Amino acid sequence: FTDAEFYQRSFDPQEYLREFCSLSNAQGQPNTLLTQSLRSLSKMFSLDGLSGHTLIDVGCGPTIYQLLSACERFQEIISLDYTDRNRWELEKWLKNEPGAFDWSPVVKYVCELEGDR
């Protein structure tokens, strides 16, 4: 395991997002790990009875993909992460600031999986 302070100083959320959260890599190859995860999450959150008031994601990193299919099932979603840089990256996206990761291709993919709901 990585020392907490080393992780706090060294983890690069933008590099992580580019590498693991884009639908395709720099060579145009599909990111099958991400698409398989999105399909699994969509199936999981479509199960009868899987809903509630609050969903808490502990250790979310700089990502939202794991929560997209949950949006229709929970009234409130809380994302927590240890590192300041991961939280700042999410805040940039929430505030639509320049340089924020573009989640729109991933959101569109999930919407298509779920029948555009």
N, C-alpha and C. Protein backbone atom coordinates (compact mmCIF):
# COMPACT_ATOMS: atom_id res chain seq x y z
N PHE A 1 0.83 -1.19 0.00
CA PHE A 1 0.00 0.00 0.00
C PHE A 1 0.87 1.25 0.00
N THR A 2 0.35 2.29 -0.61
CA THR A 2 1.07 3.56 -0.70
C THR A 2 0.83 4.36 0.57
N ASP A 3 1.88 4.98 1.07
CA ASP A 3 1.77 5.87 2.22
C ASP A 3 0.78 6.99 1.88
N ALA A 4 -0.06 7.34 2.84
CA ALA A 4 -1.13 8.32 2.60
C ALA A 4 -0.58 9.67 2.14
N GLU A 5 0.45 10.15 2.77
CA GLU A 5 0.99 11.46 2.39
C GLU A 5 1.66 11.41 1.02
N PHE A 6 2.30 10.31 0.68
CA PHE A 6 2.88 10.17 -0.65
C PHE A 6 1.77 10.20 -1.71
N TYR A 7 0.70 9.49 -1.45
CA TYR A 7 -0.45 9.47 -2.35
C TYR A 7 -1.03 10.87 -2.50
N GLN A 8 -1.17 11.57 -1.37
CA GLN A 8 -1.71 12.93 -1.38
C GLN A 8 -0.85 13.84 -2.28
N ARG A 9 0.45 13.69 -2.20
CA ARG A 9 1.36 14.55 -2.97
C ARG A 9 1.51 14.10 -4.42
N SER A 10 1.45 12.81 -4.68
CA SER A 10 1.90 12.28 -5.97
C SER A 10 0.82 11.84 -6.94
N PHE A 11 -0.35 11.52 -6.46
CA PHE A 11 -1.39 11.04 -7.37
C PHE A 11 -1.84 12.16 -8.29
N ASP A 12 -1.86 11.90 -9.59
CA ASP A 12 -2.26 12.90 -10.59
C ASP A 12 -3.64 12.54 -11.12
N PRO A 13 -4.68 13.22 -10.64
CA PRO A 13 -6.03 12.85 -11.06
C PRO A 13 -6.28 13.05 -12.55
N GLN A 14 -5.68 14.06 -13.15
CA GLN A 14 -5.89 14.28 -14.58
C GLN A 14 -5.30 13.15 -15.41
N GLU A 15 -4.12 12.70 -15.05
CA GLU A 15 -3.51 11.57 -15.75
C GLU A 15 -4.36 10.31 -15.57
N TYR A 16 -4.84 10.09 -14.37
CA TYR A 16 -5.71 8.93 -14.09
C TYR A 16 -6.96 8.98 -14.96
N LEU A 17 -7.60 10.15 -15.04
CA LEU A 17 -8.81 10.29 -15.83
C LEU A 17 -8.54 10.03 -17.31
N ARG A 18 -7.45 10.59 -17.83
CA ARG A 18 -7.10 10.37 -19.23
C ARG A 18 -6.86 8.88 -19.51
N GLU A 19 -6.20 8.21 -18.60
CA GLU A 19 -5.84 6.81 -18.80
C GLU A 19 -7.01 5.85 -18.62
N PHE A 20 -7.84 6.08 -17.61
CA PHE A 20 -8.83 5.08 -17.23
C PHE A 20 -10.30 5.48 -17.45
N CYS A 21 -10.57 6.74 -17.72
CA CYS A 21 -11.97 7.17 -17.77
C CYS A 21 -12.41 7.71 -19.13
N SER A 22 -11.58 7.56 -20.12
CA SER A 22 -11.96 7.90 -21.49
C SER A 22 -12.45 6.64 -22.18
N LEU A 23 -13.41 6.79 -23.09
CA LEU A 23 -13.95 5.62 -23.78
C LEU A 23 -12.96 4.98 -24.74
N SER A 24 -11.93 5.74 -25.13
CA SER A 24 -10.89 5.16 -25.98
C SER A 24 -9.55 5.78 -25.60
N ASN A 25 -8.47 5.08 -25.93
CA ASN A 25 -7.14 5.58 -25.60
C ASN A 25 -6.62 6.49 -26.71
N ALA A 26 -5.39 6.97 -26.57
CA ALA A 26 -4.80 7.89 -27.53
C ALA A 26 -4.70 7.29 -28.93
N GLN A 27 -4.63 5.97 -29.02
CA GLN A 27 -4.56 5.29 -30.31
C GLN A 27 -5.95 4.95 -30.88
N GLY A 28 -7.00 5.36 -30.18
CA GLY A 28 -8.36 5.10 -30.63
C GLY A 28 -8.91 3.74 -30.27
N GLN A 29 -8.17 2.98 -29.47
CA GLN A 29 -8.63 1.66 -29.04
C GLN A 29 -9.66 1.82 -27.92
N PRO A 30 -10.72 1.01 -27.95
CA PRO A 30 -11.76 1.14 -26.92
C PRO A 30 -11.24 0.76 -25.53
N ASN A 31 -11.75 1.45 -24.54
CA ASN A 31 -11.43 1.17 -23.14
C ASN A 31 -12.43 0.13 -22.65
N THR A 32 -12.13 -1.14 -22.87
CA THR A 32 -13.07 -2.20 -22.53
C THR A 32 -13.29 -2.33 -21.03
N LEU A 33 -12.29 -2.01 -20.23
CA LEU A 33 -12.47 -2.07 -18.78
C LEU A 33 -13.56 -1.08 -18.34
N LEU A 34 -13.51 0.13 -18.87
CA LEU A 34 -14.51 1.13 -18.51
C LEU A 34 -15.89 0.73 -19.04
N THR A 35 -15.98 0.34 -20.29
CA THR A 35 -17.30 0.01 -20.84
C THR A 35 -17.91 -1.22 -20.16
N GLN A 36 -17.09 -2.21 -19.82
CA GLN A 36 -17.61 -3.36 -19.07
C GLN A 36 -18.09 -2.94 -17.69
N SER A 37 -17.35 -2.06 -17.04
CA SER A 37 -17.76 -1.56 -15.73
C SER A 37 -19.07 -0.80 -15.82
N LEU A 38 -19.21 0.03 -16.82
CA LEU A 38 -20.44 0.81 -16.99
C LEU A 38 -21.63 -0.10 -17.26
N ARG A 39 -21.43 -1.14 -18.06
CA ARG A 39 -22.52 -2.10 -18.31
C ARG A 39 -22.91 -2.84 -17.03
N SER A 40 -21.91 -3.24 -16.25
CA SER A 40 -22.19 -3.95 -14.98
C SER A 40 -22.91 -3.04 -14.00
N LEU A 41 -22.48 -1.80 -13.90
CA LEU A 41 -23.13 -0.85 -12.99
C LEU A 41 -24.57 -0.58 -13.42
N SER A 42 -24.78 -0.47 -14.72
CA SER A 42 -26.13 -0.25 -15.23
C SER A 42 -27.04 -1.41 -14.85
N LYS A 43 -26.56 -2.63 -15.02
CA LYS A 43 -27.35 -3.81 -14.65
C LYS A 43 -27.62 -3.84 -13.15
N MET A 44 -26.58 -3.55 -12.37
CA MET A 44 -26.72 -3.60 -10.92
C MET A 44 -27.75 -2.58 -10.43
N PHE A 45 -27.67 -1.34 -10.94
CA PHE A 45 -28.58 -0.31 -10.46
C PHE A 45 -29.97 -0.41 -11.07
N SER A 46 -30.19 -1.36 -11.98
CA SER A 46 -31.53 -1.56 -12.51
C SER A 46 -32.28 -2.66 -11.76
N LEU A 47 -31.62 -3.30 -10.80
CA LEU A 47 -32.27 -4.36 -10.02
C LEU A 47 -33.42 -3.80 -9.20
N ASP A 48 -34.51 -4.53 -9.13
CA ASP A 48 -35.64 -4.11 -8.30
C ASP A 48 -35.20 -4.01 -6.85
N GLY A 49 -35.63 -2.97 -6.20
CA GLY A 49 -35.33 -2.79 -4.78
C GLY A 49 -34.01 -2.09 -4.50
N LEU A 50 -33.19 -1.89 -5.51
CA LEU A 50 -31.91 -1.21 -5.28
C LEU A 50 -32.12 0.28 -5.48
N SER A 51 -32.52 0.94 -4.39
CA SER A 51 -32.77 2.37 -4.40
C SER A 51 -32.77 2.85 -2.96
N GLY A 52 -32.81 4.13 -2.79
CA GLY A 52 -32.84 4.67 -1.44
C GLY A 52 -32.72 6.17 -1.43
N HIS A 53 -32.57 6.69 -0.26
CA HIS A 53 -32.45 8.14 -0.13
C HIS A 53 -31.03 8.60 -0.41
N THR A 54 -30.05 8.01 0.29
CA THR A 54 -28.67 8.48 0.18
C THR A 54 -27.73 7.34 -0.19
N LEU A 55 -26.89 7.59 -1.19
CA LEU A 55 -25.82 6.67 -1.57
C LEU A 55 -24.51 7.38 -1.25
N ILE A 56 -23.62 6.69 -0.54
CA ILE A 56 -22.32 7.28 -0.19
C ILE A 56 -21.23 6.47 -0.88
N ASP A 57 -20.42 7.16 -1.67
CA ASP A 57 -19.29 6.54 -2.36
C ASP A 57 -18.02 6.96 -1.63
N VAL A 58 -17.43 6.04 -0.90
CA VAL A 58 -16.21 6.31 -0.14
C VAL A 58 -15.01 5.93 -1.00
N GLY A 59 -14.12 6.89 -1.21
CA GLY A 59 -12.94 6.64 -2.04
C GLY A 59 -13.25 6.77 -3.51
N CYS A 60 -14.01 7.78 -3.87
CA CYS A 60 -14.47 7.94 -5.25
C CYS A 60 -13.37 8.30 -6.23
N GLY A 61 -12.24 8.79 -5.73
CA GLY A 61 -11.21 9.27 -6.64
C GLY A 61 -11.72 10.49 -7.36
N PRO A 62 -11.19 10.80 -8.55
CA PRO A 62 -11.65 11.96 -9.30
C PRO A 62 -12.77 11.61 -10.29
N THR A 63 -13.53 10.55 -9.99
CA THR A 63 -14.45 9.99 -10.98
C THR A 63 -15.92 10.07 -10.57
N ILE A 64 -16.77 10.03 -11.61
CA ILE A 64 -18.22 9.96 -11.39
C ILE A 64 -18.86 8.78 -12.13
N TYR A 65 -18.10 8.10 -12.98
CA TYR A 65 -18.69 7.05 -13.83
C TYR A 65 -19.43 6.01 -13.00
N GLN A 66 -18.93 5.72 -11.81
CA GLN A 66 -19.52 4.68 -10.97
C GLN A 66 -20.86 5.09 -10.38
N LEU A 67 -21.22 6.36 -10.52
CA LEU A 67 -22.45 6.88 -9.94
C LEU A 67 -23.54 7.17 -10.97
N LEU A 68 -23.19 7.17 -12.24
CA LEU A 68 -24.14 7.60 -13.26
C LEU A 68 -25.42 6.78 -13.27
N SER A 69 -25.32 5.48 -13.19
CA SER A 69 -26.52 4.64 -13.20
C SER A 69 -27.29 4.70 -11.90
N ALA A 70 -26.69 5.23 -10.86
CA ALA A 70 -27.36 5.35 -9.57
C ALA A 70 -28.22 6.60 -9.46
N CYS A 71 -28.03 7.55 -10.37
CA CYS A 71 -28.71 8.85 -10.27
C CYS A 71 -30.23 8.74 -10.24
N GLU A 72 -30.78 7.78 -10.96
CA GLU A 72 -32.23 7.62 -11.00
C GLU A 72 -32.77 6.86 -9.79
N ARG A 73 -31.89 6.26 -9.01
CA ARG A 73 -32.30 5.39 -7.91
C ARG A 73 -32.13 5.99 -6.52
N PHE A 74 -31.34 7.06 -6.42
CA PHE A 74 -31.06 7.67 -5.13
C PHE A 74 -31.33 9.17 -5.20
N GLN A 75 -31.92 9.70 -4.14
CA GLN A 75 -32.23 11.13 -4.09
C GLN A 75 -30.98 11.98 -3.88
N GLU A 76 -30.02 11.42 -3.15
CA GLU A 76 -28.80 12.16 -2.83
C GLU A 76 -27.61 11.21 -2.97
N ILE A 77 -26.54 11.72 -3.60
CA ILE A 77 -25.31 10.94 -3.73
C ILE A 77 -24.18 11.76 -3.14
N ILE A 78 -23.45 11.17 -2.22
CA ILE A 78 -22.32 11.83 -1.57
C ILE A 78 -21.06 11.08 -1.96
N SER A 79 -20.09 11.84 -2.48
CA SER A 79 -18.79 11.26 -2.87
C SER A 79 -17.72 11.77 -1.93
N LEU A 80 -16.93 10.84 -1.41
CA LEU A 80 -15.86 11.19 -0.48
C LEU A 80 -14.53 10.68 -1.02
N ASP A 81 -13.47 11.46 -0.83
CA ASP A 81 -12.15 11.00 -1.19
C ASP A 81 -11.12 11.61 -0.25
N TYR A 82 -10.03 10.90 -0.06
CA TYR A 82 -8.97 11.32 0.85
C TYR A 82 -8.18 12.50 0.31
N THR A 83 -7.87 12.48 -0.99
CA THR A 83 -6.94 13.48 -1.50
C THR A 83 -7.63 14.77 -1.92
N ASP A 84 -6.99 15.85 -1.59
CA ASP A 84 -7.49 17.17 -1.97
C ASP A 84 -7.59 17.28 -3.48
N ARG A 85 -6.58 16.79 -4.19
CA ARG A 85 -6.54 16.93 -5.65
C ARG A 85 -7.70 16.21 -6.33
N ASN A 86 -8.11 15.07 -5.81
CA ASN A 86 -9.27 14.37 -6.38
C ASN A 86 -10.54 15.18 -6.16
N ARG A 87 -10.69 15.71 -4.97
CA ARG A 87 -11.88 16.52 -4.68
C ARG A 87 -11.89 17.79 -5.53
N TRP A 88 -10.73 18.43 -5.70
CA TRP A 88 -10.64 19.63 -6.53
C TRP A 88 -11.00 19.32 -7.98
N GLU A 89 -10.56 18.16 -8.45
CA GLU A 89 -10.87 17.77 -9.83
C GLU A 89 -12.38 17.62 -10.01
N LEU A 90 -13.06 17.03 -9.05
CA LEU A 90 -14.51 16.90 -9.12
C LEU A 90 -15.19 18.26 -9.03
N GLU A 91 -14.68 19.12 -8.19
CA GLU A 91 -15.24 20.47 -8.06
C GLU A 91 -15.10 21.25 -9.37
N LYS A 92 -13.96 21.09 -10.05
CA LYS A 92 -13.78 21.75 -11.35
C LYS A 92 -14.87 21.31 -12.32
N TRP A 93 -15.17 20.02 -12.33
CA TRP A 93 -16.20 19.51 -13.22
C TRP A 93 -17.58 20.06 -12.81
N LEU A 94 -17.88 20.03 -11.52
CA LEU A 94 -19.18 20.53 -11.05
C LEU A 94 -19.39 21.99 -11.40
N LYS A 95 -18.33 22.77 -11.35
CA LYS A 95 -18.42 24.21 -11.64
C LYS A 95 -18.19 24.52 -13.11
N ASN A 96 -18.01 23.47 -13.94
CA ASN A 96 -17.79 23.63 -15.37
C ASN A 96 -16.61 24.56 -15.66
N GLU A 97 -15.54 24.38 -14.90
CA GLU A 97 -14.35 25.22 -15.05
C GLU A 97 -13.48 24.73 -16.21
N PRO A 98 -12.70 25.64 -16.79
CA PRO A 98 -11.77 25.23 -17.86
C PRO A 98 -10.81 24.16 -17.36
N GLY A 99 -10.53 23.20 -18.22
CA GLY A 99 -9.59 22.13 -17.88
C GLY A 99 -10.23 20.96 -17.15
N ALA A 100 -11.52 21.07 -16.84
CA ALA A 100 -12.20 19.95 -16.16
C ALA A 100 -12.35 18.79 -17.15
N PHE A 101 -12.30 17.59 -16.62
CA PHE A 101 -12.48 16.40 -17.45
C PHE A 101 -13.85 16.43 -18.10
N ASP A 102 -13.93 16.05 -19.35
CA ASP A 102 -15.19 16.03 -20.09
C ASP A 102 -15.85 14.66 -19.93
N TRP A 103 -16.86 14.61 -19.08
CA TRP A 103 -17.56 13.36 -18.83
C TRP A 103 -18.67 13.10 -19.84
N SER A 104 -18.93 14.05 -20.74
CA SER A 104 -20.10 13.91 -21.62
C SER A 104 -20.07 12.63 -22.48
N PRO A 105 -18.93 12.16 -23.03
CA PRO A 105 -18.98 10.89 -23.77
C PRO A 105 -19.38 9.70 -22.90
N VAL A 106 -18.92 9.69 -21.66
CA VAL A 106 -19.25 8.59 -20.74
C VAL A 106 -20.72 8.68 -20.33
N VAL A 107 -21.20 9.88 -20.06
CA VAL A 107 -22.61 10.07 -19.70
C VAL A 107 -23.50 9.64 -20.87
N LYS A 108 -23.13 10.04 -22.08
CA LYS A 108 -23.90 9.66 -23.27
C LYS A 108 -23.92 8.13 -23.42
N TYR A 109 -22.78 7.49 -23.21
CA TYR A 109 -22.71 6.03 -23.31
C TYR A 109 -23.67 5.37 -22.31
N VAL A 110 -23.67 5.86 -21.08
CA VAL A 110 -24.56 5.30 -20.05
C VAL A 110 -26.03 5.56 -20.41
N CYS A 111 -26.32 6.74 -20.91
CA CYS A 111 -27.70 7.04 -21.32
C CYS A 111 -28.15 6.08 -22.43
N GLU A 112 -27.27 5.81 -23.38
CA GLU A 112 -27.60 4.87 -24.44
C GLU A 112 -27.81 3.45 -23.89
N LEU A 113 -26.97 3.06 -22.92
CA LEU A 113 -27.14 1.75 -22.29
C LEU A 113 -28.51 1.62 -21.63
N GLU A 114 -28.95 2.72 -21.05
CA GLU A 114 -30.17 2.70 -20.24
C GLU A 114 -31.40 3.20 -21.01
N GLY A 115 -31.31 3.25 -22.32
CA GLY A 115 -32.46 3.67 -23.11
C GLY A 115 -32.71 5.17 -23.07
N ASP A 116 -31.65 5.95 -22.96
CA ASP A 116 -31.73 7.42 -22.97
C ASP A 116 -32.57 8.01 -21.85
N ARG A 117 -32.61 7.33 -20.71
CA ARG A 117 -33.37 7.92 -19.60
C ARG A 117 -32.53 8.95 -18.89
